[in-house]
Amino acid sequence: MRVRPGSGRTHVGGLYEGPHGPALIVAVGAPAVDGKATEAVRRALAAALGVKAAAVTLKIGATSRDKVFTVTGDVDRVVAGLRDGSS
């Protein structure tokens, strides 16, 4: 996914056409300092997917705007959250 830190509001949605292919955009109000934006993204993604924050884990990109997270839990619920476009 592509992170937009320091945004006016938290929003999960949109498409970023990056060098590695398309990515989901997650905008958060937290600054990109000391992992604050990454933690805000993790929580926003969990809320959008309808899972607990503990179910979302950063795998790649701790200091990058481009990140990869894994999500554990009920696959049907996660897919439904993606389809609903909740944010």
N, C-alpha and C. Protein backbone atom coordinates (compact mmCIF):
# COMPACT_ATOMS: atom_id res chain seq x y z
N MET A 1 0.83 -1.16 0.00
CA MET A 1 0.00 0.00 0.00
C MET A 1 0.88 1.23 0.00
N ARG A 2 0.26 2.35 -0.33
CA ARG A 2 0.97 3.63 -0.37
C ARG A 2 0.42 4.50 0.75
N VAL A 3 1.31 5.00 1.60
CA VAL A 3 0.91 5.80 2.76
C VAL A 3 1.05 7.28 2.45
N ARG A 4 0.05 8.04 2.89
CA ARG A 4 0.10 9.50 2.80
C ARG A 4 0.00 10.06 4.21
N PRO A 5 1.14 10.25 4.87
CA PRO A 5 1.13 10.78 6.24
C PRO A 5 0.82 12.27 6.25
N GLY A 6 0.38 12.77 7.40
CA GLY A 6 0.11 14.19 7.55
C GLY A 6 -1.11 14.68 6.80
N SER A 7 -2.02 13.78 6.46
CA SER A 7 -3.24 14.16 5.74
C SER A 7 -4.24 14.80 6.70
N GLY A 8 -5.19 15.51 6.15
CA GLY A 8 -6.20 16.16 6.96
C GLY A 8 -7.12 15.19 7.67
N ARG A 9 -7.31 14.01 7.08
CA ARG A 9 -8.19 13.01 7.69
C ARG A 9 -7.69 11.62 7.33
N THR A 10 -8.11 10.66 8.12
CA THR A 10 -7.74 9.27 7.85
C THR A 10 -8.71 8.71 6.82
N HIS A 11 -8.15 8.07 5.80
CA HIS A 11 -8.98 7.50 4.73
C HIS A 11 -8.27 6.30 4.12
N VAL A 12 -9.00 5.22 3.96
CA VAL A 12 -8.49 4.03 3.29
C VAL A 12 -9.23 3.91 1.98
N GLY A 13 -8.51 4.04 0.88
CA GLY A 13 -9.15 3.91 -0.43
C GLY A 13 -8.40 4.72 -1.47
N GLY A 14 -8.57 4.32 -2.69
CA GLY A 14 -7.88 4.95 -3.80
C GLY A 14 -6.80 4.03 -4.32
N LEU A 15 -6.34 4.34 -5.50
CA LEU A 15 -5.36 3.50 -6.17
C LEU A 15 -4.13 4.32 -6.52
N TYR A 16 -2.98 3.81 -6.16
CA TYR A 16 -1.70 4.43 -6.49
C TYR A 16 -1.02 3.53 -7.52
N GLU A 17 -0.70 4.09 -8.67
CA GLU A 17 0.00 3.33 -9.71
C GLU A 17 1.50 3.53 -9.52
N GLY A 18 2.09 2.67 -8.72
CA GLY A 18 3.51 2.80 -8.38
C GLY A 18 4.41 1.97 -9.27
N PRO A 19 5.70 2.06 -9.05
CA PRO A 19 6.67 1.33 -9.87
C PRO A 19 6.58 -0.19 -9.72
N HIS A 20 5.98 -0.66 -8.64
CA HIS A 20 5.84 -2.10 -8.40
C HIS A 20 4.43 -2.59 -8.68
N GLY A 21 3.62 -1.74 -9.31
CA GLY A 21 2.24 -2.10 -9.61
C GLY A 21 1.28 -1.30 -8.75
N PRO A 22 -0.01 -1.56 -8.92
CA PRO A 22 -1.02 -0.79 -8.19
C PRO A 22 -0.99 -1.08 -6.69
N ALA A 23 -1.33 -0.05 -5.91
CA ALA A 23 -1.33 -0.19 -4.45
C ALA A 23 -2.51 0.59 -3.87
N LEU A 24 -3.05 0.10 -2.78
CA LEU A 24 -4.09 0.77 -2.03
C LEU A 24 -3.50 1.99 -1.34
N ILE A 25 -4.22 3.12 -1.35
CA ILE A 25 -3.77 4.33 -0.68
C ILE A 25 -4.41 4.40 0.71
N VAL A 26 -3.58 4.69 1.71
CA VAL A 26 -4.06 4.92 3.07
C VAL A 26 -3.51 6.27 3.52
N ALA A 27 -4.41 7.21 3.77
CA ALA A 27 -4.03 8.54 4.26
C ALA A 27 -4.28 8.61 5.75
N VAL A 28 -3.32 9.15 6.49
CA VAL A 28 -3.45 9.28 7.94
C VAL A 28 -2.98 10.66 8.37
N GLY A 29 -3.52 11.14 9.48
CA GLY A 29 -3.12 12.44 10.00
C GLY A 29 -1.79 12.44 10.71
N ALA A 30 -1.35 11.29 11.16
CA ALA A 30 -0.10 11.19 11.91
C ALA A 30 1.10 11.54 11.03
N PRO A 31 2.11 12.17 11.62
CA PRO A 31 3.31 12.49 10.85
C PRO A 31 4.19 11.25 10.67
N ALA A 32 5.05 11.31 9.67
CA ALA A 32 5.97 10.21 9.40
C ALA A 32 7.20 10.34 10.30
N VAL A 33 6.97 10.24 11.60
CA VAL A 33 8.04 10.40 12.59
C VAL A 33 7.91 9.30 13.64
N ASP A 34 9.01 8.62 13.91
CA ASP A 34 9.06 7.60 14.96
C ASP A 34 7.98 6.53 14.84
N GLY A 35 7.62 6.16 13.63
CA GLY A 35 6.65 5.09 13.42
C GLY A 35 5.20 5.47 13.67
N LYS A 36 4.93 6.75 13.91
CA LYS A 36 3.56 7.19 14.21
C LYS A 36 2.63 6.97 13.02
N ALA A 37 3.08 7.29 11.82
CA ALA A 37 2.24 7.10 10.64
C ALA A 37 2.00 5.61 10.38
N THR A 38 3.02 4.80 10.55
CA THR A 38 2.87 3.36 10.34
C THR A 38 1.84 2.77 11.29
N GLU A 39 1.89 3.17 12.55
CA GLU A 39 0.92 2.68 13.53
C GLU A 39 -0.48 3.16 13.19
N ALA A 40 -0.61 4.40 12.74
CA ALA A 40 -1.92 4.93 12.35
C ALA A 40 -2.47 4.17 11.15
N VAL A 41 -1.60 3.83 10.21
CA VAL A 41 -2.02 3.06 9.03
C VAL A 41 -2.49 1.67 9.46
N ARG A 42 -1.74 1.04 10.34
CA ARG A 42 -2.12 -0.30 10.82
C ARG A 42 -3.51 -0.27 11.44
N ARG A 43 -3.77 0.71 12.27
CA ARG A 43 -5.08 0.82 12.92
C ARG A 43 -6.19 1.17 11.93
N ALA A 44 -5.90 2.06 10.99
CA ALA A 44 -6.90 2.44 9.99
C ALA A 44 -7.25 1.26 9.09
N LEU A 45 -6.24 0.51 8.70
CA LEU A 45 -6.47 -0.67 7.87
C LEU A 45 -7.31 -1.70 8.62
N ALA A 46 -6.99 -1.92 9.88
CA ALA A 46 -7.76 -2.87 10.70
C ALA A 46 -9.22 -2.43 10.79
N ALA A 47 -9.45 -1.16 11.04
CA ALA A 47 -10.82 -0.65 11.15
C ALA A 47 -11.57 -0.82 9.83
N ALA A 48 -10.90 -0.52 8.72
CA ALA A 48 -11.54 -0.64 7.41
C ALA A 48 -11.89 -2.08 7.06
N LEU A 49 -11.08 -3.01 7.54
CA LEU A 49 -11.31 -4.43 7.23
C LEU A 49 -12.19 -5.13 8.26
N GLY A 50 -12.47 -4.44 9.36
CA GLY A 50 -13.33 -5.04 10.39
C GLY A 50 -12.63 -6.09 11.22
N VAL A 51 -11.32 -5.91 11.43
CA VAL A 51 -10.55 -6.84 12.26
C VAL A 51 -9.89 -6.06 13.39
N LYS A 52 -9.40 -6.76 14.40
CA LYS A 52 -8.67 -6.11 15.48
C LYS A 52 -7.31 -5.63 14.97
N ALA A 53 -6.82 -4.55 15.56
CA ALA A 53 -5.52 -4.01 15.14
C ALA A 53 -4.41 -5.05 15.28
N ALA A 54 -4.52 -5.93 16.26
CA ALA A 54 -3.51 -6.97 16.45
C ALA A 54 -3.45 -7.95 15.29
N ALA A 55 -4.48 -7.99 14.46
CA ALA A 55 -4.52 -8.89 13.31
C ALA A 55 -3.77 -8.34 12.11
N VAL A 56 -3.33 -7.09 12.19
CA VAL A 56 -2.63 -6.44 11.08
C VAL A 56 -1.17 -6.24 11.48
N THR A 57 -0.26 -6.79 10.68
CA THR A 57 1.17 -6.75 11.00
C THR A 57 1.96 -6.21 9.83
N LEU A 58 2.86 -5.28 10.11
CA LEU A 58 3.74 -4.74 9.08
C LEU A 58 4.78 -5.79 8.70
N LYS A 59 4.94 -6.05 7.42
CA LYS A 59 5.93 -7.02 6.94
C LYS A 59 7.11 -6.32 6.26
N ILE A 60 6.82 -5.30 5.45
CA ILE A 60 7.87 -4.61 4.70
C ILE A 60 7.57 -3.11 4.69
N GLY A 61 8.61 -2.29 4.86
CA GLY A 61 8.45 -0.86 4.66
C GLY A 61 8.35 -0.01 5.90
N ALA A 62 9.05 -0.35 6.95
CA ALA A 62 8.96 0.40 8.21
C ALA A 62 9.26 1.89 8.02
N THR A 63 10.18 2.23 7.13
CA THR A 63 10.55 3.63 6.94
C THR A 63 10.22 4.14 5.54
N SER A 64 9.34 3.46 4.85
CA SER A 64 8.97 3.82 3.48
C SER A 64 7.50 4.19 3.39
N ARG A 65 7.13 4.95 2.38
CA ARG A 65 5.71 5.23 2.13
C ARG A 65 5.03 4.01 1.52
N ASP A 66 5.80 3.13 0.93
CA ASP A 66 5.26 1.90 0.36
C ASP A 66 5.42 0.79 1.40
N LYS A 67 4.31 0.18 1.80
CA LYS A 67 4.32 -0.81 2.87
C LYS A 67 3.56 -2.06 2.47
N VAL A 68 3.92 -3.16 3.11
CA VAL A 68 3.20 -4.42 2.95
C VAL A 68 2.80 -4.87 4.34
N PHE A 69 1.50 -5.13 4.52
CA PHE A 69 0.97 -5.64 5.78
C PHE A 69 0.38 -7.02 5.54
N THR A 70 0.37 -7.84 6.58
CA THR A 70 -0.38 -9.09 6.53
C THR A 70 -1.56 -8.94 7.47
N VAL A 71 -2.65 -9.61 7.11
CA VAL A 71 -3.86 -9.57 7.92
C VAL A 71 -4.26 -11.00 8.24
N THR A 72 -4.45 -11.30 9.52
CA THR A 72 -4.89 -12.62 9.92
C THR A 72 -6.33 -12.54 10.41
N GLY A 73 -7.00 -13.66 10.33
CA GLY A 73 -8.38 -13.70 10.81
C GLY A 73 -9.32 -14.32 9.80
N ASP A 74 -10.56 -13.99 9.93
CA ASP A 74 -11.63 -14.52 9.09
C ASP A 74 -11.49 -13.95 7.67
N VAL A 75 -11.11 -14.80 6.73
CA VAL A 75 -10.89 -14.36 5.36
C VAL A 75 -12.14 -13.74 4.76
N ASP A 76 -13.30 -14.32 5.01
CA ASP A 76 -14.54 -13.77 4.46
C ASP A 76 -14.78 -12.35 4.96
N ARG A 77 -14.51 -12.10 6.24
CA ARG A 77 -14.70 -10.76 6.80
C ARG A 77 -13.72 -9.77 6.17
N VAL A 78 -12.47 -10.19 6.01
CA VAL A 78 -11.46 -9.32 5.42
C VAL A 78 -11.84 -8.97 3.99
N VAL A 79 -12.24 -9.95 3.21
CA VAL A 79 -12.65 -9.71 1.83
C VAL A 79 -13.87 -8.79 1.78
N ALA A 80 -14.82 -9.00 2.67
CA ALA A 80 -16.01 -8.14 2.73
C ALA A 80 -15.60 -6.71 3.04
N GLY A 81 -14.64 -6.52 3.95
CA GLY A 81 -14.16 -5.19 4.28
C GLY A 81 -13.52 -4.51 3.09
N LEU A 82 -12.78 -5.27 2.30
CA LEU A 82 -12.18 -4.71 1.08
C LEU A 82 -13.24 -4.32 0.07
N ARG A 83 -14.22 -5.16 -0.09
CA ARG A 83 -15.29 -4.87 -1.07
C ARG A 83 -16.15 -3.69 -0.65
N ASP A 84 -16.41 -3.58 0.65
CA ASP A 84 -17.25 -2.48 1.15
C ASP A 84 -16.57 -1.13 0.98
N GLY A 85 -15.25 -1.14 0.98
CA GLY A 85 -14.52 0.12 0.89
C GLY A 85 -14.67 0.95 2.14
N SER A 86 -14.88 0.30 3.27
CA SER A 86 -15.05 1.01 4.53
C SER A 86 -13.80 1.80 4.87
N SER A 87 -14.01 2.93 5.53
CA SER A 87 -12.87 3.73 5.99
C SER A 87 -13.28 4.59 7.14
